[in-house]
Structure formats: C-alpha cells, structure tokens
Amino acid sequence: QVQVAESGGGLVQAGGSLRLSCTTSGWAAGSITGRYATAWFRQAPNQEREASSCINWSTSNRLYANSVKGRFTVSRDNNKNTMYLQMNSLKPEDTAMYYCAARAVAYCSDTWSESQGYDFWGQGTQVTVTS
C-alpha cells in the first residue's frame, strides 16, 4: 500500500516563507513502473480543495495554479521519494491545510488540477499565514 506523508507546515507572517515536504513509500505495490507524478492541493476552512501544483516524475514538467505562480516552487528528489513545495511571499489567503497527492503514472495530465485524478493522499499539514 502506498503511503503519503506531508511535513513542514507551520505559522508564518505574511511575506515569509515555508518549505513543505511530501514523502511517499510502498510504490512497489502501487505502480507498475514505479514512476509517479505528485501534486499539492490545499483546502481552507469552508472552501473546496484546490490544486496548487503538479510535478511529473522526470521533473521536466511543473504546473502551477495562477494563485501561486511566481511564489511557489515545486521540486522532487526521486532518490528520496520526496517532493517539496517552497512557498515564498506568503499571504494570509494562503492559509489552508496542504495535501500531497500522488498518481500511479509518471506525468501530470491535462486535468492535473482535479483531485479525482490522484490515487493516494496524505493527511495534510497546516499552513497559517498571519497579517
């Protein structure tokens, strides 16, 4: 069973930075090729879950939502089965629970921002940005 675990959330002032990490394990059972794309979603209280970014296995394709483009950077280290989200110039509206999601194929699809496209999810890590 594939497991996904996020870490790195916390409390930060507006304009500050945080780096989230997402570690996955168990891919021998969850993916034919062992290669997978990963994404970050976030959900604020009383709001729908929204996609933030997606990165494919080879890191050649990185996609971002307009709301975070230019401020957030997604990366990954496949040797460590870990993905990162560097968040700079944080705003109070970035406050949310951040979730890491993975899909058992190597690429981010055209529908990368739809949560149903991902097979495995973490429990989330809270990010709170104060003004």
Protein backbone atom coordinates (compact mmCIF):
# COMPACT_ATOMS: atom_id res chain seq x y z
CA GLN A 1 0.00 0.00 0.00
CA VAL A 2 1.36 3.39 -1.00
CA GLN A 3 1.66 5.84 1.85
CA VAL A 4 1.98 9.61 1.61
CA ALA A 5 3.11 11.88 4.43
CA GLU A 6 3.44 15.66 4.49
CA SER A 7 5.50 17.78 6.85
CA GLY A 8 6.80 21.32 7.20
CA GLY A 9 3.65 23.28 7.87
CA GLY A 10 3.51 25.99 10.50
CA LEU A 11 2.74 29.56 11.41
CA VAL A 12 4.42 32.36 9.47
CA GLN A 13 3.94 36.06 8.97
CA ALA A 14 2.83 37.48 5.65
CA GLY A 15 5.79 37.84 3.32
CA GLY A 16 7.58 34.92 4.90
CA SER A 17 8.49 31.51 3.54
CA LEU A 18 7.90 27.86 4.33
CA ARG A 19 9.01 24.63 2.70
CA LEU A 20 6.70 21.66 2.74
CA SER A 21 7.88 18.09 2.21
CA CYS A 22 5.99 15.07 0.98
CA THR A 23 7.45 11.59 1.35
CA THR A 24 5.95 8.54 -0.28
CA SER A 25 6.59 4.84 0.22
CA GLY A 26 5.26 1.48 -0.86
CA TRP A 27 5.39 2.08 -4.62
CA ALA A 28 6.36 -1.49 -5.42
CA ALA A 29 2.70 -2.37 -4.84
CA GLY A 30 1.12 0.84 -6.13
CA SER A 31 2.66 1.45 -9.55
CA ILE A 32 3.59 -0.84 -12.41
CA THR A 33 6.57 1.26 -13.39
CA GLY A 34 7.43 2.68 -10.00
CA ARG A 35 7.18 6.15 -11.51
CA TYR A 36 4.56 8.61 -10.35
CA ALA A 37 3.53 12.23 -10.56
CA THR A 38 2.77 14.21 -7.44
CA ALA A 39 0.77 17.30 -6.67
CA TRP A 40 -0.02 19.73 -3.91
CA PHE A 41 -3.58 20.67 -3.07
CA ARG A 42 -4.86 22.97 -0.36
CA GLN A 43 -8.13 23.49 1.43
CA ALA A 44 -9.11 26.46 3.52
CA PRO A 45 -11.97 26.28 6.03
CA ASN A 46 -15.37 26.22 4.33
CA GLN A 47 -13.77 26.16 0.90
CA GLU A 48 -13.30 23.49 -1.72
CA ARG A 49 -9.97 21.74 -2.14
CA GLU A 50 -7.94 23.42 -4.86
CA ALA A 51 -4.86 22.36 -6.74
CA SER A 52 -1.64 24.23 -6.20
CA SER A 53 0.99 22.49 -8.29
CA CYS A 54 1.96 19.27 -10.03
CA ILE A 55 5.32 17.83 -10.96
CA ASN A 56 5.98 14.83 -13.16
CA TRP A 57 8.42 12.03 -12.45
CA SER A 58 11.28 13.42 -14.53
CA THR A 59 10.71 16.98 -13.19
CA SER A 60 10.56 18.23 -16.78
CA ASN A 61 7.00 19.45 -16.33
CA ARG A 62 5.88 21.61 -13.39
CA LEU A 63 2.43 23.13 -13.36
CA TYR A 64 1.07 25.81 -11.07
CA ALA A 65 -2.25 27.37 -10.24
CA ASN A 66 -2.43 31.07 -11.08
CA SER A 67 -2.87 31.88 -7.41
CA VAL A 68 0.62 30.61 -6.54
CA LYS A 69 2.55 31.05 -9.78
CA GLY A 70 5.74 33.03 -9.25
CA ARG A 71 5.66 32.49 -5.48
CA PHE A 72 5.66 28.70 -5.06
CA THR A 73 8.18 26.27 -6.50
CA VAL A 74 7.67 22.51 -6.62
CA SER A 75 10.57 20.10 -6.81
CA ARG A 76 11.34 16.48 -6.06
CA ASP A 77 14.17 14.11 -5.22
CA ASN A 78 13.28 10.69 -6.59
CA ASN A 79 16.17 9.05 -4.78
CA LYS A 80 14.46 10.03 -1.55
CA ASN A 81 10.88 9.60 -2.80
CA THR A 82 10.29 13.13 -1.59
CA MET A 83 8.62 16.14 -3.12
CA TYR A 84 8.97 19.70 -1.90
CA LEU A 85 6.93 22.87 -2.10
CA GLN A 86 8.90 26.04 -1.49
CA MET A 87 6.45 28.79 -0.64
CA ASN A 88 7.68 32.37 -0.72
CA SER A 89 5.95 35.73 -0.31
CA LEU A 90 3.19 34.05 1.64
CA LYS A 91 -0.14 35.80 2.01
CA PRO A 92 -2.92 35.35 4.57
CA GLU A 93 -5.05 33.85 1.80
CA ASP A 94 -2.52 31.01 1.53
CA THR A 95 -3.70 29.79 4.92
CA ALA A 96 -5.01 26.26 4.44
CA MET A 97 -4.42 22.59 5.03
CA TYR A 98 -1.95 21.47 2.39
CA TYR A 99 -2.25 17.97 0.99
CA CYS A 100 0.17 15.95 -1.06
CA ALA A 101 -1.32 13.66 -3.68
CA ALA A 102 0.24 11.07 -5.97
CA ARG A 103 -0.91 9.23 -9.06
CA ALA A 104 0.44 5.94 -10.34
CA VAL A 105 1.57 7.36 -13.68
CA ALA A 106 4.64 9.43 -14.41
CA TYR A 107 3.08 12.58 -15.85
CA CYS A 108 0.79 15.44 -14.84
CA SER A 109 -2.29 15.19 -17.05
CA ASP A 110 -4.29 17.98 -18.66
CA THR A 111 -6.72 17.56 -15.77
CA TRP A 112 -3.97 17.77 -13.16
CA SER A 113 -5.96 20.17 -11.00
CA GLU A 114 -8.81 17.72 -10.45
CA SER A 115 -8.49 15.81 -7.21
CA GLN A 116 -10.11 12.65 -8.59
CA GLY A 117 -7.07 12.15 -10.78
CA TYR A 118 -4.89 11.13 -7.84
CA ASP A 119 -4.71 7.72 -6.28
CA PHE A 120 -3.01 8.37 -2.97
CA TRP A 121 -3.29 11.18 -0.45
CA GLY A 122 -1.57 12.29 2.72
CA GLN A 123 -3.25 13.54 5.88
CA GLY A 124 -2.23 17.14 5.31
CA THR A 125 -0.10 19.75 7.02
CA GLN A 126 -1.47 23.07 8.25
CA VAL A 127 -0.09 26.36 6.97
CA THR A 128 -1.20 29.54 8.71
CA VAL A 129 -0.13 32.96 7.47
CA THR A 130 -0.76 35.94 9.73
CA SER A 131 -1.09 39.52 8.56
